[in-house]
Amino acid sequence: MVPIIENHAELSGELLSVAPHKERPGFVELRVRATDARNVGEWPNLFARDVGETIVVMAREGSAAATATPGPVTFKVKKTGPGMSFAED
């Protein structure tokens, strides 16, 4: 079992693509080349090690992150498990 660590970050990068999530109806997958991950308050920033990498972030359909077009983006994110990240509404 993996312990849950409440975490938040502000992620900036280049949005490469947006596609419906294959296994989670109501969500989309955002492929983002991360260029910066800033701390949010006192929360742990689990995205700092992702800077320079292309990562997948899930977002609820219709949210600001889900409706973004390819190009520069910035949004708040959190990790919910190994390899699972979500854009916060």
N, C-alpha and C. Protein backbone atom coordinates (compact mmCIF):
# COMPACT_ATOMS: atom_id res chain seq x y z
N MET A 1 0.84 -1.17 0.00
CA MET A 1 0.00 0.00 0.00
C MET A 1 0.89 1.24 0.00
N VAL A 2 0.51 2.22 -0.82
CA VAL A 2 1.26 3.47 -0.91
C VAL A 2 0.60 4.50 -0.01
N PRO A 3 1.38 5.16 0.87
CA PRO A 3 0.77 6.17 1.73
C PRO A 3 0.33 7.38 0.91
N ILE A 4 -0.76 8.00 1.33
CA ILE A 4 -1.26 9.19 0.65
C ILE A 4 -0.58 10.41 1.25
N ILE A 5 -0.01 11.24 0.37
CA ILE A 5 0.62 12.48 0.80
C ILE A 5 -0.12 13.61 0.12
N GLU A 6 -0.80 14.44 0.91
CA GLU A 6 -1.48 15.60 0.33
C GLU A 6 -0.41 16.50 -0.29
N ASN A 7 -0.60 16.89 -1.53
CA ASN A 7 0.41 17.66 -2.24
C ASN A 7 -0.25 18.55 -3.27
N HIS A 8 0.40 19.67 -3.58
CA HIS A 8 -0.11 20.61 -4.57
C HIS A 8 1.09 21.31 -5.21
N ALA A 9 0.95 21.67 -6.48
CA ALA A 9 1.98 22.44 -7.17
C ALA A 9 1.32 23.24 -8.27
N GLU A 10 2.02 24.27 -8.72
CA GLU A 10 1.60 25.01 -9.90
C GLU A 10 2.54 24.61 -11.02
N LEU A 11 2.01 23.93 -12.01
CA LEU A 11 2.80 23.37 -13.11
C LEU A 11 2.70 24.28 -14.33
N SER A 12 3.83 24.58 -14.92
CA SER A 12 3.87 25.32 -16.18
C SER A 12 4.58 24.46 -17.20
N GLY A 13 4.18 24.63 -18.46
CA GLY A 13 4.83 23.87 -19.51
C GLY A 13 4.16 24.08 -20.84
N GLU A 14 4.46 23.19 -21.75
CA GLU A 14 3.91 23.21 -23.10
C GLU A 14 2.89 22.09 -23.22
N LEU A 15 1.63 22.44 -23.42
CA LEU A 15 0.59 21.43 -23.63
C LEU A 15 0.77 20.86 -25.03
N LEU A 16 1.02 19.56 -25.10
CA LEU A 16 1.27 18.90 -26.37
C LEU A 16 0.00 18.32 -26.98
N SER A 17 -0.89 17.76 -26.13
CA SER A 17 -2.12 17.16 -26.66
C SER A 17 -3.15 17.02 -25.56
N VAL A 18 -4.41 16.93 -26.00
CA VAL A 18 -5.55 16.67 -25.12
C VAL A 18 -6.35 15.56 -25.78
N ALA A 19 -6.66 14.51 -25.02
CA ALA A 19 -7.42 13.38 -25.57
C ALA A 19 -8.33 12.81 -24.49
N PRO A 20 -9.48 12.26 -24.89
CA PRO A 20 -10.35 11.62 -23.89
C PRO A 20 -9.59 10.50 -23.18
N HIS A 21 -9.83 10.38 -21.87
CA HIS A 21 -9.20 9.30 -21.12
C HIS A 21 -9.91 8.00 -21.48
N LYS A 22 -9.15 6.96 -21.78
CA LYS A 22 -9.72 5.69 -22.25
C LYS A 22 -10.46 4.91 -21.17
N GLU A 23 -10.07 5.10 -19.91
CA GLU A 23 -10.66 4.30 -18.83
C GLU A 23 -11.47 5.10 -17.83
N ARG A 24 -11.47 6.42 -17.95
CA ARG A 24 -12.19 7.26 -16.99
C ARG A 24 -13.14 8.20 -17.74
N PRO A 25 -14.39 7.80 -17.90
CA PRO A 25 -15.35 8.69 -18.56
C PRO A 25 -15.44 10.02 -17.81
N GLY A 26 -15.56 11.10 -18.55
CA GLY A 26 -15.66 12.41 -17.94
C GLY A 26 -14.32 13.08 -17.70
N PHE A 27 -13.22 12.41 -18.10
CA PHE A 27 -11.89 12.97 -17.93
C PHE A 27 -11.14 12.97 -19.26
N VAL A 28 -10.17 13.87 -19.36
CA VAL A 28 -9.26 13.90 -20.51
C VAL A 28 -7.83 13.76 -20.00
N GLU A 29 -6.96 13.33 -20.91
CA GLU A 29 -5.52 13.25 -20.61
C GLU A 29 -4.82 14.41 -21.28
N LEU A 30 -4.04 15.13 -20.50
CA LEU A 30 -3.23 16.23 -21.02
C LEU A 30 -1.78 15.77 -21.04
N ARG A 31 -1.14 15.81 -22.19
CA ARG A 31 0.31 15.54 -22.26
C ARG A 31 1.01 16.88 -22.20
N VAL A 32 1.84 17.06 -21.17
CA VAL A 32 2.48 18.34 -20.90
C VAL A 32 3.98 18.14 -20.76
N ARG A 33 4.75 18.95 -21.49
CA ARG A 33 6.20 19.00 -21.29
C ARG A 33 6.42 20.03 -20.18
N ALA A 34 6.74 19.56 -18.98
CA ALA A 34 6.85 20.42 -17.80
C ALA A 34 8.13 21.26 -17.85
N THR A 35 7.96 22.58 -17.67
CA THR A 35 9.11 23.48 -17.65
C THR A 35 9.34 24.10 -16.27
N ASP A 36 8.32 24.06 -15.41
CA ASP A 36 8.47 24.61 -14.07
C ASP A 36 7.40 23.99 -13.17
N ALA A 37 7.73 23.81 -11.91
CA ALA A 37 6.77 23.32 -10.91
C ALA A 37 7.03 24.11 -9.64
N ARG A 38 6.12 25.05 -9.35
CA ARG A 38 6.29 25.93 -8.20
C ARG A 38 5.49 25.42 -7.00
N ASN A 39 6.01 25.70 -5.82
CA ASN A 39 5.33 25.33 -4.58
C ASN A 39 4.02 26.09 -4.45
N VAL A 40 3.05 25.46 -3.80
CA VAL A 40 1.78 26.09 -3.46
C VAL A 40 1.68 26.02 -1.94
N GLY A 41 1.81 27.16 -1.31
CA GLY A 41 1.75 27.22 0.15
C GLY A 41 2.80 26.32 0.78
N GLU A 42 2.41 25.65 1.82
CA GLU A 42 3.32 24.77 2.56
C GLU A 42 3.23 23.32 2.10
N TRP A 43 2.43 23.04 1.05
CA TRP A 43 2.23 21.67 0.59
C TRP A 43 3.48 21.12 -0.07
N PRO A 44 3.75 19.83 0.08
CA PRO A 44 4.87 19.23 -0.66
C PRO A 44 4.64 19.37 -2.17
N ASN A 45 5.71 19.63 -2.90
CA ASN A 45 5.67 19.76 -4.35
C ASN A 45 6.26 18.47 -4.93
N LEU A 46 5.40 17.53 -5.31
CA LEU A 46 5.86 16.25 -5.85
C LEU A 46 6.13 16.32 -7.35
N PHE A 47 5.99 17.50 -7.96
CA PHE A 47 6.22 17.66 -9.39
C PHE A 47 7.60 18.23 -9.72
N ALA A 48 8.36 18.65 -8.73
CA ALA A 48 9.67 19.26 -8.98
C ALA A 48 10.57 18.33 -9.81
N ARG A 49 10.48 17.03 -9.56
CA ARG A 49 11.33 16.08 -10.29
C ARG A 49 10.85 15.83 -11.72
N ASP A 50 9.65 16.33 -12.06
CA ASP A 50 9.10 16.14 -13.41
C ASP A 50 9.51 17.25 -14.39
N VAL A 51 10.14 18.31 -13.90
CA VAL A 51 10.56 19.39 -14.78
C VAL A 51 11.54 18.84 -15.81
N GLY A 52 11.28 19.17 -17.08
CA GLY A 52 12.09 18.66 -18.18
C GLY A 52 11.53 17.38 -18.79
N GLU A 53 10.49 16.82 -18.17
CA GLU A 53 9.88 15.58 -18.65
C GLU A 53 8.52 15.87 -19.28
N THR A 54 8.05 14.93 -20.11
CA THR A 54 6.68 14.99 -20.61
C THR A 54 5.84 14.09 -19.70
N ILE A 55 4.81 14.67 -19.10
CA ILE A 55 3.98 13.92 -18.16
C ILE A 55 2.52 13.94 -18.63
N VAL A 56 1.73 13.03 -18.08
CA VAL A 56 0.30 12.97 -18.36
C VAL A 56 -0.43 13.43 -17.11
N VAL A 57 -1.35 14.39 -17.30
CA VAL A 57 -2.17 14.91 -16.21
C VAL A 57 -3.63 14.73 -16.63
N MET A 58 -4.45 14.24 -15.73
CA MET A 58 -5.88 14.09 -16.03
C MET A 58 -6.62 15.35 -15.58
N ALA A 59 -7.68 15.68 -16.33
CA ALA A 59 -8.52 16.83 -15.98
C ALA A 59 -9.97 16.48 -16.27
N ARG A 60 -10.87 17.05 -15.49
CA ARG A 60 -12.30 16.83 -15.73
C ARG A 60 -12.70 17.51 -17.04
N GLU A 61 -13.51 16.81 -17.84
CA GLU A 61 -14.02 17.41 -19.07
C GLU A 61 -14.71 18.73 -18.73
N GLY A 62 -14.49 19.73 -19.55
CA GLY A 62 -15.12 21.03 -19.35
C GLY A 62 -14.37 21.96 -18.43
N SER A 63 -13.36 21.46 -17.71
CA SER A 63 -12.57 22.33 -16.83
C SER A 63 -11.66 23.22 -17.67
N ALA A 64 -11.12 24.26 -17.06
CA ALA A 64 -10.21 25.16 -17.78
C ALA A 64 -9.02 24.39 -18.35
N ALA A 65 -8.45 23.47 -17.58
CA ALA A 65 -7.30 22.70 -18.07
C ALA A 65 -7.69 21.82 -19.25
N ALA A 66 -8.87 21.20 -19.18
CA ALA A 66 -9.31 20.28 -20.24
C ALA A 66 -9.63 20.99 -21.54
N THR A 67 -9.99 22.26 -21.46
CA THR A 67 -10.35 23.00 -22.67
C THR A 67 -9.20 23.84 -23.21
N ALA A 68 -8.03 23.73 -22.60
CA ALA A 68 -6.86 24.48 -23.09
C ALA A 68 -6.44 23.95 -24.46
N THR A 69 -5.85 24.83 -25.24
CA THR A 69 -5.35 24.44 -26.55
C THR A 69 -3.83 24.24 -26.47
N PRO A 70 -3.27 23.43 -27.35
CA PRO A 70 -1.81 23.21 -27.32
C PRO A 70 -1.05 24.54 -27.32
N GLY A 71 -0.03 24.56 -26.48
CA GLY A 71 0.79 25.76 -26.30
C GLY A 71 1.13 25.91 -24.83
N PRO A 72 1.59 27.10 -24.43
CA PRO A 72 1.96 27.32 -23.03
C PRO A 72 0.75 27.23 -22.10
N VAL A 73 0.94 26.56 -20.97
CA VAL A 73 -0.12 26.42 -19.97
C VAL A 73 0.47 26.53 -18.57
N THR A 74 -0.39 26.90 -17.63
CA THR A 74 -0.07 26.88 -16.20
C THR A 74 -1.34 26.51 -15.47
N PHE A 75 -1.26 25.51 -14.60
CA PHE A 75 -2.41 25.14 -13.79
C PHE A 75 -1.92 24.43 -12.53
N LYS A 76 -2.81 24.38 -11.53
CA LYS A 76 -2.49 23.69 -10.28
C LYS A 76 -2.76 22.20 -10.46
N VAL A 77 -1.88 21.40 -9.87
CA VAL A 77 -1.95 19.95 -10.02
C VAL A 77 -1.66 19.26 -8.69
N LYS A 78 -2.05 17.99 -8.64
CA LYS A 78 -1.67 17.15 -7.49
C LYS A 78 -1.52 15.72 -7.96
N LYS A 79 -0.67 14.97 -7.27
CA LYS A 79 -0.49 13.55 -7.55
C LYS A 79 -1.36 12.77 -6.58
N THR A 80 -2.04 11.76 -7.14
CA THR A 80 -2.94 10.96 -6.30
C THR A 80 -2.46 9.53 -6.14
N GLY A 81 -1.38 9.19 -6.80
CA GLY A 81 -0.82 7.85 -6.71
C GLY A 81 0.31 7.72 -7.70
N PRO A 82 0.98 6.60 -7.71
CA PRO A 82 2.08 6.40 -8.65
C PRO A 82 1.60 6.57 -10.10
N GLY A 83 2.18 7.51 -10.81
CA GLY A 83 1.84 7.73 -12.20
C GLY A 83 0.47 8.33 -12.44
N MET A 84 -0.16 8.88 -11.42
CA MET A 84 -1.50 9.45 -11.58
C MET A 84 -1.52 10.88 -11.05
N SER A 85 -1.76 11.82 -11.97
CA SER A 85 -1.79 13.24 -11.61
C SER A 85 -3.07 13.86 -12.13
N PHE A 86 -3.57 14.84 -11.39
CA PHE A 86 -4.80 15.53 -11.75
C PHE A 86 -4.61 17.04 -11.74
N ALA A 87 -5.22 17.72 -12.71
CA ALA A 87 -5.32 19.18 -12.67
C ALA A 87 -6.44 19.51 -11.70
N GLU A 88 -6.20 20.49 -10.85
CA GLU A 88 -7.20 20.89 -9.88
C GLU A 88 -8.13 21.91 -10.52
N ASP A 89 -9.42 21.80 -10.19
CA ASP A 89 -10.42 22.73 -10.74
C ASP A 89 -10.29 24.10 -10.10
